[in-house]
Amino acid sequence: MKPAIARAGQKVSLAVLGAIGEEKGARIVSKLSFALEGRSDGPNLVIIGEFDRRFPLAPSTVVTGRYDIRNLADIMYRHRVAVWLMPSICPETFSFTTHEMIATGLPVMSFNIGAQGEAVMAAPNGHIVPVDVDEIQKVYHQLQAVTEVAS
């Protein structure tokens, strides 16, 4: 899959994939949402899937709702997805969602937790990040700088 190219003046998106509840990182996604709100140098945040509404999101954060994996490329293009985040804070024994993100070829950030961390660490497009909103943003900007140089 080719990453979406933003035209001048358009922002790209940092995307989260799946059904995001507390164990899947809803708290960190909520914090990230507010940290990115209104920043001209940051990405849009889009959640491709569902989100636990007990955790607030900034008004600009998009939640697409349920998705069909067959339509993922179209959804990615529509939202100009440039980088993925796997925000799960509980170790998983296998993560289909992580493998779906890796398979897109776009950079994938994850915490070093469980099978999702192992898969991201082993992937050429994988990047391990600390469970910290500021660090997630820092790595995002590093990835964008590399992408812009390669373009």
Foldseek 3Di string as FASTA:
>chain_A
DDFADDDPPDFAEAEEEEEDDVQQALQLQQVLQVVQPPDPPFHAYEYAAHYDVVRDGPPRYHYPHHDDLVCVVVVRNVRRHQEYERRGPAADQDDPRLVSRLVVVHAYEYACHHPSNVVLVPGPRHDYFHSDSVRVRVVVVVSVVVVVVVD
